[in-house]
C-alpha atoms as a PDB file:
ATOM      1  CA  MET A   1     115.427  25.029  36.949  1.00  0.00           C
ATOM      2  CA  PRO A   2     116.801  25.428  33.392  1.00  0.00           C
ATOM      3  CA  ARG A   3     114.678  27.191  30.687  1.00  0.00           C
ATOM      4  CA  GLY A   4     115.471  27.173  27.124  1.00  0.00           C
ATOM      5  CA  THR A   5     115.650  24.789  24.115  1.00  0.00           C
ATOM      6  CA  VAL A   6     117.234  21.500  23.703  1.00  0.00           C
ATOM      7  CA  GLU A   7     118.399  20.683  20.157  1.00  0.00           C
ATOM      8  CA  VAL A   8     118.875  16.969  19.405  1.00  0.00           C
ATOM      9  CA  LEU A   9     121.110  15.830  16.475  1.00  0.00           C
ATOM     10  CA  LEU A  10     119.965  12.569  15.504  1.00  0.00           C
ATOM     11  CA  VAL A  11     123.029  11.126  13.920  1.00  0.00           C
ATOM     12  CA  GLY A  12     122.280   7.283  13.305  1.00  0.00           C
ATOM     13  CA  ALA A  13     122.200   3.986  14.977  1.00  0.00           C
ATOM     14  CA  LYS A  14     124.247   0.711  14.763  1.00  0.00           C
ATOM     15  CA  GLY A  15     124.025  -2.839  15.826  1.00  0.00           C
ATOM     16  CA  LEU A  16     120.265  -2.883  16.283  1.00  0.00           C
ATOM     17  CA  GLU A  17     118.270  -6.053  16.285  1.00  0.00           C
ATOM     18  CA  ASN A  18     116.460  -6.569  13.091  1.00  0.00           C
ATOM     19  CA  THR A  19     112.952  -6.914  13.737  1.00  0.00           C
ATOM     20  CA  ASP A  20     112.006  -7.944  10.016  1.00  0.00           C
ATOM     21  CA  PHE A  21     113.060 -11.479   9.274  1.00  0.00           C
ATOM     22  CA  LEU A  22     112.657 -11.556   5.338  1.00  0.00           C
ATOM     23  CA  CYS A  23     114.210  -8.024   4.729  1.00  0.00           C
ATOM     24  CA  ASN A  24     115.806  -4.962   6.058  1.00  0.00           C
ATOM     25  CA  MET A  25     113.817  -3.077   8.572  1.00  0.00           C
ATOM     26  CA  ASP A  26     112.409   0.506   8.120  1.00  0.00           C
ATOM     27  CA  PRO A  27     113.769   2.415  11.338  1.00  0.00           C
ATOM     28  CA  TYR A  28     112.466   5.552  12.608  1.00  0.00           C
ATOM     29  CA  VAL A  29     112.760   7.312  15.851  1.00  0.00           C
ATOM     30  CA  ILE A  30     110.320   8.926  18.303  1.00  0.00           C
ATOM     31  CA  ILE A  31     112.025  11.557  20.622  1.00  0.00           C
ATOM     32  CA  ILE A  32     110.036  12.342  23.919  1.00  0.00           C
ATOM     33  CA  CYS A  33     111.023  15.074  26.077  1.00  0.00           C
ATOM     34  CA  ARG A  34     108.373  15.301  28.898  1.00  0.00           C
ATOM     35  CA  THR A  35     105.073  15.885  26.950  1.00  0.00           C
ATOM     36  CA  GLN A  36     106.729  16.952  23.690  1.00  0.00           C
ATOM     37  CA  GLU A  37     107.221  14.188  21.074  1.00  0.00           C
ATOM     38  CA  GLN A  38     108.801  14.406  17.753  1.00  0.00           C
ATOM     39  CA  LYS A  39     109.208  11.604  15.284  1.00  0.00           C
ATOM     40  CA  SER A  40     112.245  11.375  12.569  1.00  0.00           C
ATOM     41  CA  SER A  41     111.867  10.337   9.035  1.00  0.00           C
ATOM     42  CA  VAL A  42     111.795   6.538   8.229  1.00  0.00           C
ATOM     43  CA  ALA A  43     115.183   5.241   7.211  1.00  0.00           C
ATOM     44  CA  SER A  44     113.576   3.090   4.426  1.00  0.00           C
ATOM     45  CA  GLY A  45     115.469  -0.433   3.898  1.00  0.00           C
ATOM     46  CA  LYS A  46     118.661   0.935   6.234  1.00  0.00           C
ATOM     47  CA  GLY A  47     118.180  -2.238   8.522  1.00  0.00           C
ATOM     48  CA  THR A  48     120.407  -2.258  11.568  1.00  0.00           C
ATOM     49  CA  GLU A  49     122.630   0.713  10.685  1.00  0.00           C
ATOM     50  CA  PRO A  50     120.229   3.490   9.884  1.00  0.00           C
ATOM     51  CA  GLU A  51     121.371   7.148   9.504  1.00  0.00           C
ATOM     52  CA  TRP A  52     119.263  10.319   9.800  1.00  0.00           C
ATOM     53  CA  ASN A  53     121.399  13.430  10.434  1.00  0.00           C
ATOM     54  CA  GLU A  54     118.208  15.140  11.519  1.00  0.00           C
ATOM     55  CA  ASN A  55     117.845  17.984  13.994  1.00  0.00           C
ATOM     56  CA  PHE A  56     114.906  18.458  16.594  1.00  0.00           C
ATOM     57  CA  VAL A  57     114.450  21.279  18.865  1.00  0.00           C
ATOM     58  CA  PHE A  58     112.366  20.970  22.248  1.00  0.00           C
ATOM     59  CA  THR A  59     111.432  23.809  24.462  1.00  0.00           C
ATOM     60  CA  ILE A  60     112.415  23.301  28.160  1.00  0.00           C
ATOM     61  CA  SER A  61     110.189  25.192  30.817  1.00  0.00           C
ATOM     62  CA  ASP A  62     110.021  23.054  33.694  1.00  0.00           C
ATOM     63  CA  SER A  63     112.107  20.301  35.537  1.00  0.00           C
ATOM     64  CA  VAL A  64     113.121  17.868  32.758  1.00  0.00           C
ATOM     65  CA  SER A  65     115.672  15.603  33.785  1.00  0.00           C
ATOM     66  CA  GLU A  66     115.972  13.184  30.605  1.00  0.00           C
ATOM     67  CA  LEU A  67     115.223  12.649  27.190  1.00  0.00           C
ATOM     68  CA  SER A  68     113.688   9.303  25.818  1.00  0.00           C
ATOM     69  CA  ILE A  69     114.380   7.901  22.458  1.00  0.00           C
ATOM     70  CA  LYS A  70     112.187   5.089  20.984  1.00  0.00           C
ATOM     71  CA  ILE A  71     113.359   3.247  17.847  1.00  0.00           C
ATOM     72  CA  MET A  72     110.604   1.874  15.968  1.00  0.00           C
ATOM     73  CA  ASP A  73     110.405  -0.213  12.674  1.00  0.00           C
ATOM     74  CA  SER A  74     107.750   0.962  10.263  1.00  0.00           C
ATOM     75  CA  ASP A  75     105.913  -1.968   8.917  1.00  0.00           C
ATOM     76  CA  SER A  76     103.118  -1.495   6.374  1.00  0.00           C
ATOM     77  CA  GLY A  77     100.017  -3.353   6.760  1.00  0.00           C
ATOM     78  CA  SER A  78     100.708  -4.225  10.352  1.00  0.00           C
ATOM     79  CA  GLU A  79     101.568  -2.477  13.633  1.00  0.00           C
ATOM     80  CA  ASP A  80     105.049  -0.920  13.726  1.00  0.00           C
ATOM     81  CA  ASP A  81     107.646  -2.906  15.807  1.00  0.00           C
ATOM     82  CA  PHE A  82     109.414  -1.660  18.913  1.00  0.00           C
ATOM     83  CA  VAL A  83     113.094  -2.041  18.280  1.00  0.00           C
ATOM     84  CA  GLY A  84     114.342  -0.410  21.555  1.00  0.00           C
ATOM     85  CA  GLN A  85     114.773   2.702  23.634  1.00  0.00           C
ATOM     86  CA  ALA A  86     117.483   5.000  24.977  1.00  0.00           C
ATOM     87  CA  THR A  87     117.255   7.195  27.971  1.00  0.00           C
ATOM     88  CA  ILE A  88     119.518  10.254  28.030  1.00  0.00           C
ATOM     89  CA  PRO A  89     120.004  12.206  31.207  1.00  0.00           C
ATOM     90  CA  LEU A  90     119.917  15.770  30.498  1.00  0.00           C
ATOM     91  CA  ASP A  91     121.686  17.313  33.710  1.00  0.00           C
ATOM     92  CA  PRO A  92     125.346  16.904  32.081  1.00  0.00           C
ATOM     93  CA  LEU A  93     123.847  18.942  29.065  1.00  0.00           C
ATOM     94  CA  PHE A  94     122.731  21.663  31.381  1.00  0.00           C
ATOM     95  CA  MET A  95     125.877  22.159  32.972  1.00  0.00           C
ATOM     96  CA  GLU A  96     128.070  21.821  29.807  1.00  0.00           C
ATOM     97  CA  GLY A  97     125.738  23.399  27.296  1.00  0.00           C
ATOM     98  CA  ASN A  98     126.780  21.407  24.479  1.00  0.00           C
ATOM     99  CA  LEU A  99     127.445  17.512  24.052  1.00  0.00           C
ATOM    100  CA  PRO A 100     129.090  16.321  20.958  1.00  0.00           C
ATOM    101  CA  PRO A 101     127.572  13.242  19.148  1.00  0.00           C
ATOM    102  CA  THR A 102     127.800  10.441  21.712  1.00  0.00           C
ATOM    103  CA  SER A 103     126.571   6.733  21.535  1.00  0.00           C
ATOM    104  CA  TYR A 104     123.816   5.648  23.909  1.00  0.00           C
ATOM    105  CA  ASN A 105     122.899   2.138  24.671  1.00  0.00           C
ATOM    106  CA  VAL A 106     119.552   0.997  23.221  1.00  0.00           C
ATOM    107  CA  VAL A 107     117.794  -1.420  25.303  1.00  0.00           C
ATOM    108  CA  LYS A 108     114.889  -3.634  25.060  1.00  0.00           C
ATOM    109  CA  ASP A 109     113.494  -5.908  27.917  1.00  0.00           C
ATOM    110  CA  GLU A 110     116.469  -4.786  30.018  1.00  0.00           C
ATOM    111  CA  GLU A 111     119.016  -6.118  27.263  1.00  0.00           C
ATOM    112  CA  TYR A 112     121.462  -4.409  25.091  1.00  0.00           C
ATOM    113  CA  ARG A 113     119.850  -3.985  21.401  1.00  0.00           C
ATOM    114  CA  GLY A 114     122.601  -1.591  19.875  1.00  0.00           C
ATOM    115  CA  GLU A 115     123.778   2.023  20.044  1.00  0.00           C
ATOM    116  CA  ILE A 116     122.159   5.257  18.919  1.00  0.00           C
ATOM    117  CA  LYS A 117     124.242   8.371  18.286  1.00  0.00           C
ATOM    118  CA  VAL A 118     122.918  11.617  19.427  1.00  0.00           C
ATOM    119  CA  GLY A 119     124.535  15.152  19.720  1.00  0.00           C
ATOM    120  CA  LEU A 120     122.834  17.755  22.073  1.00  0.00           C
ATOM    121  CA  THR A 121     122.814  21.505  22.618  1.00  0.00           C
ATOM    122  CA  PHE A 122     121.134  23.636  25.369  1.00  0.00           C
ATOM    123  CA  THR A 123     120.439  27.099  24.732  1.00  0.00           C
ATOM    124  CA  HIS A 124     119.415  28.943  27.971  1.00  0.00           C
ATOM    125  CA  GLN A 125     116.767  31.613  27.797  1.00  0.00           C
ATOM    126  CA  GLY A 126     115.957  34.405  30.274  1.00  0.00           C
ATOM    127  CA  GLY A 127     117.882  35.510  33.386  1.00  0.00           C
ATOM    128  CA  TYR A 128     120.320  37.741  31.770  1.00  0.00           C
ATOM    129  CA  ASP A 129     120.601  40.700  29.406  1.00  0.00           C
ATOM    130  CA  GLN A 130     121.687  39.925  25.913  1.00  0.00           C
ATOM    131  CA  GLU A 131     122.901  43.537  25.403  1.00  0.00           C
ATOM    132  CA  SER A 132     125.670  43.216  28.143  1.00  0.00           C
ATOM    133  CA  SER A 133     126.640  39.809  27.008  1.00  0.00           C
ATOM    134  CA  GLY A 134     127.822  41.255  23.534  1.00  0.00           C
ATOM    135  CA  GLN A 135     125.649  38.509  21.757  1.00  0.00           C
ATOM    136  CA  GLU A 136     123.739  39.200  18.600  1.00  0.00           C
ATOM    137  CA  GLU A 137     120.307  37.977  18.220  1.00  0.00           C
ATOM    138  CA  SER A 138     119.915  35.232  15.705  1.00  0.00           C
ATOM    139  CA  TYR A 139     116.877  34.043  14.200  1.00  0.00           C
ATOM    140  CA  GLY A 140     116.874  30.389  13.000  1.00  0.00           C
ATOM    141  CA  GLY A 141     120.604  30.555  12.105  1.00  0.00           C
ATOM    142  CA  TRP A 142     120.321  33.881  10.390  1.00  0.00           C
ATOM    143  CA  LYS A 143     121.953  37.096  12.247  1.00  0.00           C
ATOM    144  CA  GLU A 144     119.962  40.139  12.059  1.00  0.00           C
ATOM    145  CA  SER A 145     121.855  43.092  10.878  1.00  0.00           C
ATOM    146  CA  SER A 146     121.219  46.695  12.028  1.00  0.00           C
ATOM    147  CA  ASP A 147     121.604  48.165   8.535  1.00  0.00           C
END
């Protein structure tokens, strides 16, 4: 059972179904990992080809087999529209440790609705001694020096 963190790089989407008929939609993404949920910024007016290039980090401590990504269209004055959803199996990530940005099918009502591009990195925690592995501890991308 893997323990650690999963970093999600939300790159962008293409070929989405436009849910706004009079103007470009304003898509955003909700990423769900078991009980954890994180929301991207709204790509205002980006329509069916939004780009985010945002990172999200989830803590994995129990059996998580997939990541769910819901694409929504932000609507002012009414309820946001559901554009589609992608489900990403995490087993290949746990084996490889890193998956480069890959396109996953977006589905709504069991029909193809475009693609979303996501990169994944898994950082294993616990179970080994960092001293013997020769790795330095890092804090949020900064390495702590012993000076």
